Structure formats: C-alpha cells, structure tokens
C-alpha atoms as a PDB file:
ATOM      1  CA  MET A   1      -6.086  16.144   1.912  1.00  0.00           C
ATOM      2  CA  MET A   2      -7.407  17.737   5.102  1.00  0.00           C
ATOM      3  CA  GLU A   3      -4.354  16.548   7.021  1.00  0.00           C
ATOM      4  CA  LEU A   4      -2.028  18.072   4.431  1.00  0.00           C
ATOM      5  CA  GLU A   5      -3.879  21.363   4.770  1.00  0.00           C
ATOM      6  CA  ALA A   6      -3.577  21.183   8.567  1.00  0.00           C
ATOM      7  CA  LEU A   7       0.161  20.596   8.206  1.00  0.00           C
ATOM      8  CA  GLN A   8       0.365  23.582   5.842  1.00  0.00           C
ATOM      9  CA  ALA A   9      -1.308  25.710   8.513  1.00  0.00           C
ATOM     10  CA  VAL A  10       1.440  24.933  11.072  1.00  0.00           C
ATOM     11  CA  LEU A  11       4.324  25.064   8.581  1.00  0.00           C
ATOM     12  CA  PRO A  12       5.273  28.651   9.502  1.00  0.00           C
ATOM     13  CA  GLN A  13       5.611  27.630  13.167  1.00  0.00           C
ATOM     14  CA  LEU A  14       7.724  24.612  12.235  1.00  0.00           C
ATOM     15  CA  ARG A  15       9.983  26.791  10.086  1.00  0.00           C
ATOM     16  CA  GLU A  16      10.412  29.311  12.919  1.00  0.00           C
ATOM     17  CA  LEU A  17      11.692  26.437  15.040  1.00  0.00           C
ATOM     18  CA  GLY A  18      14.133  25.390  12.322  1.00  0.00           C
ATOM     19  CA  GLY A  19      11.998  22.488  11.119  1.00  0.00           C
ATOM     20  CA  SER A  20      10.992  21.422   7.665  1.00  0.00           C
ATOM     21  CA  LEU A  21       8.194  19.316   6.272  1.00  0.00           C
ATOM     22  CA  VAL A  22       7.768  16.773   3.515  1.00  0.00           C
ATOM     23  CA  ALA A  23       4.807  14.478   2.842  1.00  0.00           C
ATOM     24  CA  ILE A  24       5.089  11.000   1.364  1.00  0.00           C
ATOM     25  CA  SER A  25       2.060   9.642  -0.492  1.00  0.00           C
ATOM     26  CA  PRO A  26       1.365   6.361  -2.309  1.00  0.00           C
ATOM     27  CA  GLN A  27      -0.260   8.321  -5.115  1.00  0.00           C
ATOM     28  CA  LEU A  28       1.426   8.358  -8.491  1.00  0.00           C
ATOM     29  CA  PRO A  29       3.590  11.499  -8.963  1.00  0.00           C
ATOM     30  CA  SER A  30       1.075  13.232 -11.248  1.00  0.00           C
ATOM     31  CA  TYR A  31      -1.662  13.004  -8.577  1.00  0.00           C
ATOM     32  CA  GLY A  32       0.714  14.202  -5.846  1.00  0.00           C
ATOM     33  CA  ARG A  33       1.609  17.273  -7.895  1.00  0.00           C
ATOM     34  CA  ALA A  34      -2.078  18.000  -8.471  1.00  0.00           C
ATOM     35  CA  VAL A  35      -2.817  17.768  -4.735  1.00  0.00           C
ATOM     36  CA  ARG A  36       0.087  20.093  -3.963  1.00  0.00           C
ATOM     37  CA  ARG A  37      -1.174  22.691  -6.453  1.00  0.00           C
ATOM     38  CA  ARG A  38      -4.833  22.400  -5.453  1.00  0.00           C
ATOM     39  CA  ALA A  39      -4.089  22.783  -1.738  1.00  0.00           C
ATOM     40  CA  ALA A  40      -1.386  25.437  -2.319  1.00  0.00           C
ATOM     41  CA  LEU A  41       1.083  23.432  -0.224  1.00  0.00           C
ATOM     42  CA  GLU A  42       4.479  25.001   0.409  1.00  0.00           C
ATOM     43  CA  PHE A  43       6.145  21.638   1.071  1.00  0.00           C
ATOM     44  CA  ASP A  44       6.949  18.713  -1.190  1.00  0.00           C
ATOM     45  CA  VAL A  45       4.630  15.734  -1.608  1.00  0.00           C
ATOM     46  CA  LEU A  46       6.833  12.804  -2.608  1.00  0.00           C
ATOM     47  CA  SER A  47       5.537   9.643  -4.234  1.00  0.00           C
ATOM     48  CA  ASP A  48       5.949   6.284  -2.494  1.00  0.00           C
ATOM     49  CA  GLU A  49       5.018   4.052  -5.408  1.00  0.00           C
ATOM     50  CA  GLY A  50       4.271   0.539  -4.245  1.00  0.00           C
ATOM     51  CA  LEU A  51       4.226   1.775  -0.631  1.00  0.00           C
ATOM     52  CA  GLU A  52       7.867   0.701  -0.258  1.00  0.00           C
ATOM     53  CA  VAL A  53       8.682   3.403   2.296  1.00  0.00           C
ATOM     54  CA  ALA A  54       5.460   2.774   4.232  1.00  0.00           C
ATOM     55  CA  GLN A  55       6.255  -0.944   4.307  1.00  0.00           C
ATOM     56  CA  ALA A  56       9.800  -0.271   5.539  1.00  0.00           C
ATOM     57  CA  PHE A  57       8.328   1.602   8.520  1.00  0.00           C
ATOM     58  CA  GLY A  58       5.584  -0.992   9.071  1.00  0.00           C
ATOM     59  CA  LEU A  59       2.898   1.504   8.102  1.00  0.00           C
ATOM     60  CA  ALA A  60       1.269  -0.143   5.031  1.00  0.00           C
ATOM     61  CA  PHE A  61      -1.934  -2.148   5.263  1.00  0.00           C
ATOM     62  CA  THR A  62      -4.345  -3.783   2.829  1.00  0.00           C
ATOM     63  CA  LEU A  63      -8.005  -2.887   3.053  1.00  0.00           C
ATOM     64  CA  PRO A  64     -10.282  -5.847   3.772  1.00  0.00           C
ATOM     65  CA  PRO A  65     -12.644  -6.774   0.901  1.00  0.00           C
ATOM     66  CA  TYR A  66     -15.687  -5.043   2.430  1.00  0.00           C
ATOM     67  CA  LEU A  67     -13.790  -1.733   2.700  1.00  0.00           C
ATOM     68  CA  GLU A  68     -12.398  -2.093  -0.805  1.00  0.00           C
ATOM     69  CA  GLU A  69     -15.983  -2.514  -2.012  1.00  0.00           C
ATOM     70  CA  LEU A  70     -17.060   0.534   0.001  1.00  0.00           C
ATOM     71  CA  TYR A  71     -14.228   2.634  -1.438  1.00  0.00           C
ATOM     72  CA  ARG A  72     -15.176   1.551  -4.953  1.00  0.00           C
ATOM     73  CA  SER A  73     -18.852   2.383  -4.307  1.00  0.00           C
ATOM     74  CA  PHE A  74     -17.804   5.984  -3.512  1.00  0.00           C
ATOM     75  CA  GLY A  75     -15.725   6.146  -6.685  1.00  0.00           C
ATOM     76  CA  ASN A  76     -12.394   5.919  -4.871  1.00  0.00           C
ATOM     77  CA  THR A  77     -10.218   3.998  -7.276  1.00  0.00           C
ATOM     78  CA  LEU A  78      -7.046   3.568  -5.263  1.00  0.00           C
ATOM     79  CA  ASP A  79      -5.703   1.219  -7.907  1.00  0.00           C
ATOM     80  CA  LYS A  80      -5.785   4.099 -10.412  1.00  0.00           C
ATOM     81  CA  PHE A  81      -4.238   6.667  -8.045  1.00  0.00           C
ATOM     82  CA  HIS A  82      -1.607   4.300  -6.637  1.00  0.00           C
ATOM     83  CA  GLY A  83      -0.785   2.426  -9.833  1.00  0.00           C
ATOM     84  CA  GLU A  84      -1.234  -1.044  -8.340  1.00  0.00           C
ATOM     85  CA  PRO A  85      -4.200  -3.437  -8.137  1.00  0.00           C
ATOM     86  CA  ALA A  86      -4.124  -3.908  -4.354  1.00  0.00           C
ATOM     87  CA  TYR A  87      -6.185  -1.560  -2.225  1.00  0.00           C
ATOM     88  CA  ARG A  88      -3.425  -0.650   0.221  1.00  0.00           C
ATOM     89  CA  LEU A  89      -2.976   2.484   2.274  1.00  0.00           C
ATOM     90  CA  PRO A  90      -0.316   3.849   4.591  1.00  0.00           C
ATOM     91  CA  LEU A  91      -1.007   4.754   8.178  1.00  0.00           C
ATOM     92  CA  THR A  92      -0.049   8.376   8.631  1.00  0.00           C
ATOM     93  CA  ASP A  93       2.951   9.119  10.781  1.00  0.00           C
ATOM     94  CA  LEU A  94       4.858  12.183  11.865  1.00  0.00           C
ATOM     95  CA  HIS A  95       8.581  12.012  12.633  1.00  0.00           C
ATOM     96  CA  LEU A  96       9.754  14.781  14.907  1.00  0.00           C
ATOM     97  CA  ASP A  97      13.149  13.304  15.626  1.00  0.00           C
ATOM     98  CA  PRO A  98      15.085  10.369  14.192  1.00  0.00           C
ATOM     99  CA  GLY A  99      14.341   8.016  17.108  1.00  0.00           C
ATOM    100  CA  SER A 100      10.606   8.490  17.442  1.00  0.00           C
ATOM    101  CA  LEU A 101       7.440   7.333  15.763  1.00  0.00           C
ATOM    102  CA  ARG A 102       4.788   9.703  17.044  1.00  0.00           C
ATOM    103  CA  ARG A 103       1.671  10.955  15.333  1.00  0.00           C
ATOM    104  CA  PRO A 104       0.329  14.021  17.142  1.00  0.00           C
ATOM    105  CA  PRO A 105      -2.165  16.348  15.473  1.00  0.00           C
ATOM    106  CA  PRO A 106      -0.425  18.985  13.314  1.00  0.00           C
ATOM    107  CA  VAL A 107      -1.143  21.795  15.762  1.00  0.00           C
ATOM    108  CA  VAL A 108       0.567  19.788  18.517  1.00  0.00           C
ATOM    109  CA  ALA A 109       3.494  18.997  16.208  1.00  0.00           C
ATOM    110  CA  ALA A 110       4.605  22.619  16.223  1.00  0.00           C
ATOM    111  CA  ARG A 111       4.555  22.643  20.036  1.00  0.00           C
ATOM    112  CA  LEU A 112       6.450  19.339  20.274  1.00  0.00           C
ATOM    113  CA  ALA A 113       9.119  20.593  17.901  1.00  0.00           C
ATOM    114  CA  LYS A 114      10.142  23.298  20.403  1.00  0.00           C
END
C-alpha cells in the first residue's frame, strides 16, 4: 500500500502534465475498493483476477514454498485476497508511454512524464 500512497502523492504533478493514473491489483474487487478508501486514493484500483494482465506483460511470478510459508506465518493469506490457491504476485511496473516498460520511483515518474 505504501507504493499506492507514494503514487497518490505525485498524482497532482502527473495531472498537471496531462497524465492520469490507474493501479491494477490481483486482489479481489472488494479488497481493492477497501484499499482505495483506506488510503484515500484519487485514482482507480482495478482488479486483475487470476493475474491475467500481469501474465500478459510477463510480470506474474509464483512465490517459492519457503516464502509462501513465511507469508502465511505473518498472516498474509494471498489465496484469500486473490481468490486463487496459488501464492502468486505481480512485479510492479509503471508505464509512462506505450512503448516502454520502466519502473522508476513515483517521485521520478512525475519528472519523466514531462
């Protein structure tokens, strides 16, 4: 959620430059809405159920068993939040133009968008 909050912080700069922002999460829609409310985000958080979009961009990966066990030990039940039994996550990515796959920090994103 910290990354979403960092993106929220630079949203005004992105808008000044004519940009817009949308987040895509593997969480089920109800969890995405809750995150948006809790963090007071002014951009949409869309649901990528089954990580189909992440897979299409080559950004989905399955946690190895030892990390799945670690996640579970901290109470992180990805299977509940994502609606699937596999412990998979997307790599985060930031698209600034249609031909690029770059992931700068949010504060840099506003500068790159100029």
